[in-house]
PDB file of N, CA and C in Angstrom:
ATOM      1  N   MET A   1     192.281  14.413 216.206  1.00  0.00           N
ATOM      2  CA  MET A   1     193.637  14.580 215.771  1.00  0.00           C
ATOM      3  C   MET A   1     193.711  14.311 214.274  1.00  0.00           C
ATOM      4  N   LYS A   2     194.360  15.214 213.585  1.00  0.00           N
ATOM      5  CA  LYS A   2     194.588  15.035 212.153  1.00  0.00           C
ATOM      6  C   LYS A   2     196.074  14.779 211.952  1.00  0.00           C
ATOM      7  N   ILE A   3     196.395  13.787 211.119  1.00  0.00           N
ATOM      8  CA  ILE A   3     197.781  13.428 210.849  1.00  0.00           C
ATOM      9  C   ILE A   3     198.040  13.608 209.364  1.00  0.00           C
ATOM     10  N   GLU A   4     199.089  14.358 209.064  1.00  0.00           N
ATOM     11  CA  GLU A   4     199.464  14.627 207.673  1.00  0.00           C
ATOM     12  C   GLU A   4     200.939  14.288 207.497  1.00  0.00           C
ATOM     13  N   LYS A   5     201.255  13.507 206.489  1.00  0.00           N
ATOM     14  CA  LYS A   5     202.644  13.154 206.220  1.00  0.00           C
ATOM     15  C   LYS A   5     203.166  13.992 205.059  1.00  0.00           C
ATOM     16  N   THR A   6     204.369  14.528 205.249  1.00  0.00           N
ATOM     17  CA  THR A   6     205.051  15.234 204.177  1.00  0.00           C
ATOM     18  C   THR A   6     206.334  14.465 203.876  1.00  0.00           C
ATOM     19  N   GLU A   7     207.131  14.984 202.962  1.00  0.00           N
ATOM     20  CA  GLU A   7     208.383  14.312 202.623  1.00  0.00           C
ATOM     21  C   GLU A   7     209.355  14.295 203.794  1.00  0.00           C
ATOM     22  N   ILE A   8     209.276  15.305 204.659  1.00  0.00           N
ATOM     23  CA  ILE A   8     210.286  15.413 205.711  1.00  0.00           C
ATOM     24  C   ILE A   8     209.762  15.197 207.125  1.00  0.00           C
ATOM     25  N   ALA A   9     208.446  15.209 207.309  1.00  0.00           N
ATOM     26  CA  ALA A   9     207.915  15.094 208.669  1.00  0.00           C
ATOM     27  C   ALA A   9     206.464  14.621 208.667  1.00  0.00           C
ATOM     28  N   THR A  10     206.055  14.135 209.831  1.00  0.00           N
ATOM     29  CA  THR A  10     204.648  13.832 210.065  1.00  0.00           C
ATOM     30  C   THR A  10     204.110  14.943 210.957  1.00  0.00           C
ATOM     31  N   ILE A  11     203.012  15.546 210.511  1.00  0.00           N
ATOM     32  CA  ILE A  11     202.433  16.695 211.211  1.00  0.00           C
ATOM     33  C   ILE A  11     201.149  16.257 211.908  1.00  0.00           C
ATOM     34  N   PHE A  12     201.100  16.505 213.212  1.00  0.00           N
ATOM     35  CA  PHE A  12     199.922  16.209 214.015  1.00  0.00           C
ATOM     36  C   PHE A  12     199.224  17.531 214.303  1.00  0.00           C
ATOM     37  N   LYS A  13     197.959  17.632 213.924  1.00  0.00           N
ATOM     38  CA  LYS A  13     197.191  18.856 214.149  1.00  0.00           C
ATOM     39  C   LYS A  13     196.053  18.571 215.114  1.00  0.00           C
ATOM     40  N   ILE A  14     195.875  19.493 216.038  1.00  0.00           N
ATOM     41  CA  ILE A  14     194.795  19.354 217.005  1.00  0.00           C
ATOM     42  C   ILE A  14     193.464  19.658 216.312  1.00  0.00           C
ATOM     43  N   ASP A  15     192.451  18.905 216.658  1.00  0.00           N
ATOM     44  CA  ASP A  15     191.115  19.216 216.136  1.00  0.00           C
ATOM     45  C   ASP A  15     190.318  19.844 217.273  1.00  0.00           C
ATOM     46  N   LYS A  16     189.132  19.453 217.487  1.00  0.00           N
ATOM     47  CA  LYS A  16     188.282  20.103 218.491  1.00  0.00           C
ATOM     48  C   LYS A  16     188.552  19.642 219.917  1.00  0.00           C
ATOM     49  N   ASN A  17     189.352  18.628 220.093  1.00  0.00           N
ATOM     50  CA  ASN A  17     189.633  18.118 221.439  1.00  0.00           C
ATOM     51  C   ASN A  17     190.507  19.090 222.219  1.00  0.00           C
ATOM     52  N   SER A  18     190.542  18.912 223.512  1.00  0.00           N
ATOM     53  CA  SER A  18     191.436  19.703 224.348  1.00  0.00           C
ATOM     54  C   SER A  18     192.868  19.211 224.138  1.00  0.00           C
ATOM     55  N   ILE A  19     193.827  20.012 224.580  1.00  0.00           N
ATOM     56  CA  ILE A  19     195.225  19.594 224.453  1.00  0.00           C
ATOM     57  C   ILE A  19     195.484  18.355 225.304  1.00  0.00           C
ATOM     58  N   ALA A  20     194.855  18.253 226.454  1.00  0.00           N
ATOM     59  CA  ALA A  20     195.021  17.059 227.292  1.00  0.00           C
ATOM     60  C   ALA A  20     194.534  15.806 226.567  1.00  0.00           C
ATOM     61  N   ASP A  21     193.385  15.903 225.887  1.00  0.00           N
ATOM     62  CA  ASP A  21     192.877  14.769 225.107  1.00  0.00           C
ATOM     63  C   ASP A  21     193.805  14.472 223.925  1.00  0.00           C
ATOM     64  N   PHE A  22     194.271  15.516 223.268  1.00  0.00           N
ATOM     65  CA  PHE A  22     195.202  15.371 222.153  1.00  0.00           C
ATOM     66  C   PHE A  22     196.467  14.659 222.635  1.00  0.00           C
ATOM     67  N   TYR A  23     196.986  15.086 223.795  1.00  0.00           N
ATOM     68  CA  TYR A  23     198.191  14.469 224.348  1.00  0.00           C
ATOM     69  C   TYR A  23     197.968  12.984 224.618  1.00  0.00           C
ATOM     70  N   SER A  24     196.835  12.649 225.163  1.00  0.00           N
ATOM     71  CA  SER A  24     196.520  11.250 225.442  1.00  0.00           C
ATOM     72  C   SER A  24     196.502  10.425 224.149  1.00  0.00           C
ATOM     73  N   ASP A  25     195.833  10.940 223.115  1.00  0.00           N
ATOM     74  CA  ASP A  25     195.793  10.253 221.814  1.00  0.00           C
ATOM     75  C   ASP A  25     197.187  10.144 221.219  1.00  0.00           C
ATOM     76  N   PHE A  26     197.933  11.248 221.266  1.00  0.00           N
ATOM     77  CA  PHE A  26     199.276  11.264 220.699  1.00  0.00           C
ATOM     78  C   PHE A  26     200.178  10.256 221.406  1.00  0.00           C
ATOM     79  N   SER A  27     200.097  10.193 222.729  1.00  0.00           N
ATOM     80  CA  SER A  27     200.937   9.270 223.500  1.00  0.00           C
ATOM     81  C   SER A  27     200.697   7.826 223.090  1.00  0.00           C
ATOM     82  N   LYS A  28     199.450   7.485 222.813  1.00  0.00           N
ATOM     83  CA  LYS A  28     199.117   6.124 222.393  1.00  0.00           C
ATOM     84  C   LYS A  28     199.653   5.821 220.998  1.00  0.00           C
ATOM     85  N   LYS A  29     199.673   6.815 220.120  1.00  0.00           N
ATOM     86  CA  LYS A  29     200.092   6.610 218.730  1.00  0.00           C
ATOM     87  C   LYS A  29     201.581   6.866 218.512  1.00  0.00           C
ATOM     88  N   TYR A  30     202.230   7.466 219.494  1.00  0.00           N
ATOM     89  CA  TYR A  30     203.625   7.888 219.326  1.00  0.00           C
ATOM     90  C   TYR A  30     204.543   6.760 218.869  1.00  0.00           C
ATOM     91  N   VAL A  31     204.385   5.587 219.419  1.00  0.00           N
ATOM     92  CA  VAL A  31     205.269   4.470 219.097  1.00  0.00           C
ATOM     93  C   VAL A  31     205.284   4.168 217.592  1.00  0.00           C
ATOM     94  N   ASN A  32     204.193   4.459 216.900  1.00  0.00           N
ATOM     95  CA  ASN A  32     204.109   4.211 215.461  1.00  0.00           C
ATOM     96  C   ASN A  32     204.874   5.239 214.631  1.00  0.00           C
ATOM     97  N   PHE A  33     205.300   6.331 215.264  1.00  0.00           N
ATOM     98  CA  PHE A  33     205.948   7.414 214.529  1.00  0.00           C
ATOM     99  C   PHE A  33     207.340   7.739 215.066  1.00  0.00           C
ATOM    100  N   LYS A  34     207.902   6.856 215.889  1.00  0.00           N
ATOM    101  CA  LYS A  34     209.165   7.174 216.543  1.00  0.00           C
ATOM    102  C   LYS A  34     210.352   7.224 215.581  1.00  0.00           C
ATOM    103  N   GLU A  35     210.198   6.736 214.366  1.00  0.00           N
ATOM    104  CA  GLU A  35     211.268   6.779 213.373  1.00  0.00           C
ATOM    105  C   GLU A  35     211.057   7.902 212.357  1.00  0.00           C
ATOM    106  N   GLU A  36     210.141   8.821 212.651  1.00  0.00           N
ATOM    107  CA  GLU A  36     209.835   9.919 211.737  1.00  0.00           C
ATOM    108  C   GLU A  36     210.022  11.254 212.450  1.00  0.00           C
ATOM    109  N   ASN A  37     210.364  12.282 211.687  1.00  0.00           N
ATOM    110  CA  ASN A  37     210.380  13.629 212.248  1.00  0.00           C
ATOM    111  C   ASN A  37     208.942  14.017 212.557  1.00  0.00           C
ATOM    112  N   ILE A  38     208.737  14.660 213.700  1.00  0.00           N
ATOM    113  CA  ILE A  38     207.385  14.993 214.145  1.00  0.00           C
ATOM    114  C   ILE A  38     207.238  16.493 214.332  1.00  0.00           C
ATOM    115  N   ILE A  39     206.112  17.009 213.851  1.00  0.00           N
ATOM    116  CA  ILE A  39     205.709  18.387 214.108  1.00  0.00           C
ATOM    117  C   ILE A  39     204.329  18.339 214.748  1.00  0.00           C
ATOM    118  N   ILE A  40     204.196  18.978 215.910  1.00  0.00           N
ATOM    119  CA  ILE A  40     202.905  19.096 216.582  1.00  0.00           C
ATOM    120  C   ILE A  40     202.412  20.516 216.307  1.00  0.00           C
ATOM    121  N   ASP A  41     201.272  20.640 215.642  1.00  0.00           N
ATOM    122  CA  ASP A  41     200.761  21.954 215.238  1.00  0.00           C
ATOM    123  C   ASP A  41     199.591  22.376 216.117  1.00  0.00           C
ATOM    124  N   PHE A  42     199.868  23.342 217.007  1.00  0.00           N
ATOM    125  CA  PHE A  42     198.842  23.913 217.870  1.00  0.00           C
ATOM    126  C   PHE A  42     198.476  25.322 217.435  1.00  0.00           C
ATOM    127  N   SER A  43     198.764  25.672 216.202  1.00  0.00           N
ATOM    128  CA  SER A  43     198.541  27.052 215.758  1.00  0.00           C
ATOM    129  C   SER A  43     197.077  27.462 215.826  1.00  0.00           C
ATOM    130  N   LEU A  44     196.151  26.522 215.789  1.00  0.00           N
ATOM    131  CA  LEU A  44     194.730  26.857 215.851  1.00  0.00           C
ATOM    132  C   LEU A  44     194.133  26.688 217.252  1.00  0.00           C
ATOM    133  N   SER A  45     194.964  26.323 218.221  1.00  0.00           N
ATOM    134  CA  SER A  45     194.461  26.084 219.572  1.00  0.00           C
ATOM    135  C   SER A  45     194.628  27.314 220.445  1.00  0.00           C
ATOM    136  N   LYS A  46     193.574  27.644 221.165  1.00  0.00           N
ATOM    137  CA  LYS A  46     193.638  28.759 222.111  1.00  0.00           C
ATOM    138  C   LYS A  46     194.123  28.294 223.477  1.00  0.00           C
ATOM    139  N   GLU A  47     194.201  26.973 223.678  1.00  0.00           N
ATOM    140  CA  GLU A  47     194.647  26.403 224.943  1.00  0.00           C
ATOM    141  C   GLU A  47     196.159  26.314 225.058  1.00  0.00           C
ATOM    142  N   ALA A  48     196.859  26.536 223.953  1.00  0.00           N
ATOM    143  CA  ALA A  48     198.306  26.319 223.940  1.00  0.00           C
ATOM    144  C   ALA A  48     199.009  27.319 224.844  1.00  0.00           C
ATOM    145  N   ASP A  49     199.559  26.806 225.917  1.00  0.00           N
ATOM    146  CA  ASP A  49     200.356  27.615 226.832  1.00  0.00           C
ATOM    147  C   ASP A  49     201.530  26.757 227.296  1.00  0.00           C
ATOM    148  N   ILE A  50     202.416  27.352 228.069  1.00  0.00           N
ATOM    149  CA  ILE A  50     203.619  26.644 228.497  1.00  0.00           C
ATOM    150  C   ILE A  50     203.273  25.343 229.218  1.00  0.00           C
ATOM    151  N   GLU A  51     202.317  25.384 230.118  1.00  0.00           N
ATOM    152  CA  GLU A  51     201.948  24.193 230.892  1.00  0.00           C
ATOM    153  C   GLU A  51     201.516  23.042 229.979  1.00  0.00           C
ATOM    154  N   ASN A  52     200.667  23.332 228.990  1.00  0.00           N
ATOM    155  CA  ASN A  52     200.201  22.290 228.071  1.00  0.00           C
ATOM    156  C   ASN A  52     201.314  21.811 227.145  1.00  0.00           C
ATOM    157  N   ILE A  53     202.172  22.713 226.724  1.00  0.00           N
ATOM    158  CA  ILE A  53     203.262  22.350 225.823  1.00  0.00           C
ATOM    159  C   ILE A  53     204.253  21.418 226.523  1.00  0.00           C
ATOM    160  N   LEU A  54     204.500  21.674 227.793  1.00  0.00           N
ATOM    161  CA  LEU A  54     205.469  20.861 228.533  1.00  0.00           C
ATOM    162  C   LEU A  54     205.002  19.421 228.744  1.00  0.00           C
ATOM    163  N   LEU A  55     203.729  19.135 228.498  1.00  0.00           N
ATOM    164  CA  LEU A  55     203.262  17.748 228.543  1.00  0.00           C
ATOM    165  C   LEU A  55     204.060  16.879 227.566  1.00  0.00           C
ATOM    166  N   PHE A  56     204.514  17.485 226.473  1.00  0.00           N
ATOM    167  CA  PHE A  56     205.176  16.752 225.394  1.00  0.00           C
ATOM    168  C   PHE A  56     206.689  16.629 225.594  1.00  0.00           C
ATOM    169  N   LEU A  57     207.200  17.143 226.696  1.00  0.00           N
ATOM    170  CA  LEU A  57     208.634  17.123 226.947  1.00  0.00           C
ATOM    171  C   LEU A  57     209.230  15.708 226.946  1.00  0.00           C
ATOM    172  N   PRO A  58     208.614  14.711 227.584  1.00  0.00           N
ATOM    173  CA  PRO A  58     209.212  13.367 227.553  1.00  0.00           C
ATOM    174  C   PRO A  58     209.348  12.801 226.132  1.00  0.00           C
ATOM    175  N   GLN A  59     208.329  12.980 225.310  1.00  0.00           N
ATOM    176  CA  GLN A  59     208.410  12.483 223.935  1.00  0.00           C
ATOM    177  C   GLN A  59     209.456  13.263 223.137  1.00  0.00           C
ATOM    178  N   SER A  60     209.534  14.564 223.378  1.00  0.00           N
ATOM    179  CA  SER A  60     210.516  15.383 222.679  1.00  0.00           C
ATOM    180  C   SER A  60     211.932  14.922 223.019  1.00  0.00           C
ATOM    181  N   LYS A  61     212.202  14.727 224.296  1.00  0.00           N
ATOM    182  CA  LYS A  61     213.534  14.264 224.714  1.00  0.00           C
ATOM    183  C   LYS A  61     213.867  12.916 224.088  1.00  0.00           C
ATOM    184  N   GLN A  62     212.924  11.987 224.179  1.00  0.00           N
ATOM    185  CA  GLN A  62     213.145  10.653 223.632  1.00  0.00           C
ATOM    186  C   GLN A  62     213.373  10.713 222.124  1.00  0.00           C
ATOM    187  N   HIS A  63     212.559  11.488 221.447  1.00  0.00           N
ATOM    188  CA  HIS A  63     212.639  11.583 219.999  1.00  0.00           C
ATOM    189  C   HIS A  63     213.972  12.181 219.563  1.00  0.00           C
ATOM    190  N   ARG A  64     214.380  13.244 220.216  1.00  0.00           N
ATOM    191  CA  ARG A  64     215.635  13.909 219.875  1.00  0.00           C
ATOM    192  C   ARG A  64     216.828  13.015 220.223  1.00  0.00           C
ATOM    193  N   ASN A  65     216.738  12.257 221.312  1.00  0.00           N
ATOM    194  CA  ASN A  65     217.811  11.315 221.659  1.00  0.00           C
ATOM    195  C   ASN A  65     217.939  10.202 220.626  1.00  0.00           C
ATOM    196  N   ASN A  66     216.838   9.898 219.948  1.00  0.00           N
ATOM    197  CA  ASN A  66     216.856   8.886 218.889  1.00  0.00           C
ATOM    198  C   ASN A  66     217.277   9.464 217.539  1.00  0.00           C
ATOM    199  N   GLY A  67     217.680  10.730 217.524  1.00  0.00           N
ATOM    200  CA  GLY A  67     218.186  11.342 216.300  1.00  0.00           C
ATOM    201  C   GLY A  67     217.121  11.838 215.343  1.00  0.00           C
ATOM    202  N   MET A  68     215.955  12.120 215.853  1.00  0.00           N
ATOM    203  CA  MET A  68     214.874  12.617 215.007  1.00  0.00           C
ATOM    204  C   MET A  68     214.439  13.995 215.498  1.00  0.00           C
ATOM    205  N   SER A  69     213.763  14.752 214.639  1.00  0.00           N
ATOM    206  CA  SER A  69     213.293  16.092 214.992  1.00  0.00           C
ATOM    207  C   SER A  69     211.915  16.021 215.647  1.00  0.00           C
ATOM    208  N   PHE A  70     211.701  16.924 216.594  1.00  0.00           N
ATOM    209  CA  PHE A  70     210.416  17.062 217.273  1.00  0.00           C
ATOM    210  C   PHE A  70     210.206  18.553 217.486  1.00  0.00           C
ATOM    211  N   VAL A  71     209.268  19.144 216.729  1.00  0.00           N
ATOM    212  CA  VAL A  71     209.052  20.585 216.753  1.00  0.00           C
ATOM    213  C   VAL A  71     207.577  20.855 217.011  1.00  0.00           C
ATOM    214  N   MET A  72     207.313  21.892 217.807  1.00  0.00           N
ATOM    215  CA  MET A  72     205.941  22.276 218.102  1.00  0.00           C
ATOM    216  C   MET A  72     205.651  23.651 217.514  1.00  0.00           C
ATOM    217  N   VAL A  73     204.473  23.789 216.915  1.00  0.00           N
ATOM    218  CA  VAL A  73     204.030  25.073 216.377  1.00  0.00           C
ATOM    219  C   VAL A  73     203.039  25.657 217.371  1.00  0.00           C
ATOM    220  N   VAL A  74     203.464  26.757 218.001  1.00  0.00           N
ATOM    221  CA  VAL A  74     202.648  27.398 219.022  1.00  0.00           C
ATOM    222  C   VAL A  74     202.806  28.897 218.863  1.00  0.00           C
ATOM    223  N   ASP A  75     201.742  29.568 218.539  1.00  0.00           N
ATOM    224  CA  ASP A  75     201.796  31.015 218.382  1.00  0.00           C
ATOM    225  C   ASP A  75     201.519  31.677 219.729  1.00  0.00           C
ATOM    226  N   GLY A  76     202.230  32.735 220.020  1.00  0.00           N
ATOM    227  CA  GLY A  76     201.958  33.492 221.233  1.00  0.00           C
ATOM    228  C   GLY A  76     202.751  33.073 222.450  1.00  0.00           C
ATOM    229  N   ILE A  77     203.720  32.177 222.279  1.00  0.00           N
ATOM    230  CA  ILE A  77     204.565  31.770 223.395  1.00  0.00           C
ATOM    231  C   ILE A  77     205.983  32.233 223.103  1.00  0.00           C
ATOM    232  N   ASP A  78     206.610  32.833 224.085  1.00  0.00           N
ATOM    233  CA  ASP A  78     207.985  33.290 223.946  1.00  0.00           C
ATOM    234  C   ASP A  78     208.907  32.075 223.958  1.00  0.00           C
ATOM    235  N   ALA A  79     209.708  31.930 222.914  1.00  0.00           N
ATOM    236  CA  ALA A  79     210.604  30.780 222.798  1.00  0.00           C
ATOM    237  C   ALA A  79     211.575  30.701 223.973  1.00  0.00           C
ATOM    238  N   ASP A  80     211.898  31.832 224.580  1.00  0.00           N
ATOM    239  CA  ASP A  80     212.811  31.840 225.727  1.00  0.00           C
ATOM    240  C   ASP A  80     212.175  31.215 226.968  1.00  0.00           C
ATOM    241  N   ASP A  81     210.852  31.134 227.003  1.00  0.00           N
ATOM    242  CA  ASP A  81     210.154  30.541 228.141  1.00  0.00           C
ATOM    243  C   ASP A  81     210.079  29.020 228.054  1.00  0.00           C
ATOM    244  N   VAL A  82     210.439  28.478 226.898  1.00  0.00           N
ATOM    245  CA  VAL A  82     210.363  27.037 226.675  1.00  0.00           C
ATOM    246  C   VAL A  82     211.754  26.442 226.878  1.00  0.00           C
ATOM    247  N   THR A  83     211.834  25.308 227.548  1.00  0.00           N
ATOM    248  CA  THR A  83     213.109  24.645 227.787  1.00  0.00           C
ATOM    249  C   THR A  83     213.823  24.343 226.473  1.00  0.00           C
ATOM    250  N   ASP A  84     215.134  24.259 226.516  1.00  0.00           N
ATOM    251  CA  ASP A  84     215.903  23.981 225.301  1.00  0.00           C
ATOM    252  C   ASP A  84     215.718  22.545 224.818  1.00  0.00           C
ATOM    253  N   LYS A  85     215.063  21.716 225.589  1.00  0.00           N
ATOM    254  CA  LYS A  85     214.767  20.340 225.179  1.00  0.00           C
ATOM    255  C   LYS A  85     213.524  20.256 224.307  1.00  0.00           C
ATOM    256  N   LEU A  86     212.845  21.366 224.151  1.00  0.00           N
ATOM    257  CA  LEU A  86     211.604  21.415 223.383  1.00  0.00           C
ATOM    258  C   LEU A  86     211.688  22.594 222.426  1.00  0.00           C
ATOM    259  N   ILE A  87     211.530  22.330 221.144  1.00  0.00           N
ATOM    260  CA  ILE A  87     211.595  23.400 220.151  1.00  0.00           C
ATOM    261  C   ILE A  87     210.179  23.843 219.824  1.00  0.00           C
ATOM    262  N   ALA A  88     209.912  25.136 220.036  1.00  0.00           N
ATOM    263  CA  ALA A  88     208.599  25.714 219.734  1.00  0.00           C
ATOM    264  C   ALA A  88     208.801  26.923 218.838  1.00  0.00           C
ATOM    265  N   VAL A  89     208.044  26.962 217.750  1.00  0.00           N
ATOM    266  CA  VAL A  89     208.100  28.066 216.789  1.00  0.00           C
ATOM    267  C   VAL A  89     206.680  28.545 216.511  1.00  0.00           C
ATOM    268  N   PRO A  90     206.521  29.787 215.992  1.00  0.00           N
ATOM    269  CA  PRO A  90     205.176  30.324 215.800  1.00  0.00           C
ATOM    270  C   PRO A  90     204.454  29.886 214.521  1.00  0.00           C
ATOM    271  N   THR A  91     205.174  29.344 213.521  1.00  0.00           N
ATOM    272  CA  THR A  91     204.495  28.984 212.273  1.00  0.00           C
ATOM    273  C   THR A  91     204.919  27.601 211.789  1.00  0.00           C
ATOM    274  N   LEU A  92     204.061  27.000 210.989  1.00  0.00           N
ATOM    275  CA  LEU A  92     204.352  25.685 210.411  1.00  0.00           C
ATOM    276  C   LEU A  92     205.537  25.774 209.449  1.00  0.00           C
ATOM    277  N   ILE A  93     205.656  26.856 208.726  1.00  0.00           N
ATOM    278  CA  ILE A  93     206.779  27.018 207.795  1.00  0.00           C
ATOM    279  C   ILE A  93     208.104  26.991 208.557  1.00  0.00           C
ATOM    280  N   GLU A  94     208.150  27.674 209.703  1.00  0.00           N
ATOM    281  CA  GLU A  94     209.370  27.656 210.515  1.00  0.00           C
ATOM    282  C   GLU A  94     209.652  26.251 211.041  1.00  0.00           C
ATOM    283  N   ALA A  95     208.624  25.532 211.420  1.00  0.00           N
ATOM    284  CA  ALA A  95     208.807  24.158 211.902  1.00  0.00           C
ATOM    285  C   ALA A  95     209.400  23.282 210.803  1.00  0.00           C
ATOM    286  N   LEU A  96     208.875  23.393 209.604  1.00  0.00           N
ATOM    287  CA  LEU A  96     209.405  22.618 208.480  1.00  0.00           C
ATOM    288  C   LEU A  96     210.847  23.014 208.182  1.00  0.00           C
ATOM    289  N   ASP A  97     211.165  24.299 208.284  1.00  0.00           N
ATOM    290  CA  ASP A  97     212.540  24.767 208.074  1.00  0.00           C
ATOM    291  C   ASP A  97     213.490  24.165 209.107  1.00  0.00           C
ATOM    292  N   ILE A  98     213.059  24.116 210.358  1.00  0.00           N
ATOM    293  CA  ILE A  98     213.904  23.539 211.406  1.00  0.00           C
ATOM    294  C   ILE A  98     214.156  22.059 211.145  1.00  0.00           C
ATOM    295  N   VAL A  99     213.114  21.331 210.763  1.00  0.00           N
ATOM    296  CA  VAL A  99     213.282  19.910 210.464  1.00  0.00           C
ATOM    297  C   VAL A  99     214.272  19.744 209.312  1.00  0.00           C
ATOM    298  N   GLU A 100     214.132  20.563 208.289  1.00  0.00           N
ATOM    299  CA  GLU A 100     215.048  20.495 207.155  1.00  0.00           C
ATOM    300  C   GLU A 100     216.490  20.781 207.581  1.00  0.00           C
ATOM    301  N   MET A 101     216.680  21.819 208.396  1.00  0.00           N
ATOM    302  CA  MET A 101     218.022  22.150 208.875  1.00  0.00           C
ATOM    303  C   MET A 101     218.597  21.024 209.723  1.00  0.00           C
ATOM    304  N   GLU A 102     217.785  20.439 210.584  1.00  0.00           N
ATOM    305  CA  GLU A 102     218.267  19.340 211.416  1.00  0.00           C
ATOM    306  C   GLU A 102     218.595  18.112 210.567  1.00  0.00           C
ATOM    307  N   ASN A 103     217.837  17.864 209.515  1.00  0.00           N
ATOM    308  CA  ASN A 103     218.158  16.764 208.599  1.00  0.00           C
ATOM    309  C   ASN A 103     219.520  16.993 207.957  1.00  0.00           C
ATOM    310  N   ILE A 104     219.785  18.221 207.534  1.00  0.00           N
ATOM    311  CA  ILE A 104     221.071  18.555 206.925  1.00  0.00           C
ATOM    312  C   ILE A 104     222.194  18.357 207.935  1.00  0.00           C
ATOM    313  N   GLU A 105     221.985  18.823 209.168  1.00  0.00           N
ATOM    314  CA  GLU A 105     223.003  18.654 210.211  1.00  0.00           C
ATOM    315  C   GLU A 105     223.287  17.178 210.464  1.00  0.00           C
ATOM    316  N   ARG A 106     222.241  16.358 210.494  1.00  0.00           N
ATOM    317  CA  ARG A 106     222.437  14.918 210.709  1.00  0.00           C
ATOM    318  C   ARG A 106     223.209  14.316 209.535  1.00  0.00           C
ATOM    319  N   ASP A 107     222.873  14.733 208.308  1.00  0.00           N
ATOM    320  CA  ASP A 107     223.569  14.212 207.131  1.00  0.00           C
ATOM    321  C   ASP A 107     225.051  14.586 207.144  1.00  0.00           C
ATOM    322  N   LEU A 108     225.366  15.764 207.713  1.00  0.00           N
ATOM    323  CA  LEU A 108     226.755  16.215 207.778  1.00  0.00           C
ATOM    324  C   LEU A 108     227.489  15.679 209.005  1.00  0.00           C
ATOM    325  N   GLY A 109     226.755  14.998 209.885  1.00  0.00           N
ATOM    326  CA  GLY A 109     227.372  14.392 211.060  1.00  0.00           C
ATOM    327  C   GLY A 109     227.493  15.299 212.272  1.00  0.00           C
ATOM    328  N   PHE A 110     226.730  16.368 212.322  1.00  0.00           N
ATOM    329  CA  PHE A 110     226.775  17.265 213.487  1.00  0.00           C
ATOM    330  C   PHE A 110     225.900  16.750 214.595  1.00  0.00           C
TER     331      PHE A 110
END
């Protein structure tokens, strides 16, 4: 797992591990990042499918309930197939844009 911090979010990128292994590592480290916007980047993973993405649903719900952004970068998945509790976009740029928009909405009180 590679972790990169930007001004607006912490980006978790999968390395050579499987998504299940990545999820296990992420779950252990999640508590350290619960006050930060999170982007999970699976753009380089061939394992990324709906079943694997839904593993992250509990953290996404918790994170969003705490007023923070949680966005996943997954290419090749139809956004309509993903529950509305989980935001999935095809590119990292779109993920960063969503985090920025959600920050603005929070600042405006929406």
